Amino acid sequence: MNITKINKIAVLGCGWLGLPLAKELIEDGYFVKGSTTTISKIAVLAAQHIDPFLVQLNPEIEGDDIQLFLDVDLLIINIPPGRHKGTENNYVTKMANIAKAVTNSPISKIIFISSSSVYPENCTEVAEETAIDEHTPSALSLFQAEEIFRNLKQIKTTVVRMSGLIGPERHPGRFFAGKENIPNGLAPVNLIHLVDCISIIKFIIEEEIWDETINAAAPDHPNKMDFYALASEKYNQSTAQFIAEKQNFKIVSSKKLIDKYGYQFKIPNLMEWLLQTPQS
């Protein structure tokens, strides 16, 4: 239920997470604008009652009127960096261009979807105050993007560092199926289901959790060998063969979200979820 002063929301990036998020926000009574980079998807957004905009970052902003898109109370930025090496600076430039446009808008709140990949694999638990991995270009570019929005004056930004995303069309049984001699089999997994991704974003809005950095990972961290063996079996794929070793790893802690703010995960136990979930 819409219990805050926020009425209009823009979701920048209506992909695997952004589209179902926008749909749920509309169901909750918000007016929602959504962006896509492809003209063919405009009709898809409109069919879900999302006010559709074509927004392309090349890295300059192109497409529909960006200021009209940003004429909202809250902006949710859901644009992941590219997976190709050497694109890190381009990503930071894209985010800087969005931030510049935001300064000419009525936006007062931002939720920036980041990743727990900003943390190093330091063989321990990582929390929001843990130093980021400054030696990995992708981690550094994500952190720089976070800082761009944190530093916007008169705008309250909350950063959500999500772990590996699983759910519809991202069944973990597909990730390593049939592969052999996969290293680091005893390392813990850091994952979060789409249901909780959406629920946490809505929780932040409803509870008015602003000017914060929040980790978002299921509190259950089974090792890769056990988890992906079961996932492959459930997905009817050849079992992934891991090496029983524990090298570099991290355990992403969501204790702040749970203990400080009282969030209850919808899918806290990943092994239990695998046992109960159908193929998807």
Foldseek 3Di string as FASTA:
>chain_A
DQPDPFAEEEEEDCDPQNVVLQLVVVVVRHQYAYEDQDPVCQVVCVVSVHNYWHWDPPPATDGDDVQVSQQGAEYEYDDAFDPDPPCLVSLLSSLLNNLVSNLVYNYAEYEYEAAPQQDWLPVEADEPPHHGDPPDSRSVSRVSSVVSVLPDPNHWYEYEHEYAEADVVRQLLPVQFPAAAAEAQQAWGWYAYSVQVSVVVVLCSVVVPTNYYFYDTQQDTGGNQVLNQLSNVQQVTHGGHYDPDHDGHYHYDRCCCCPVVNDDGPCNHRVVCSVPDHHD
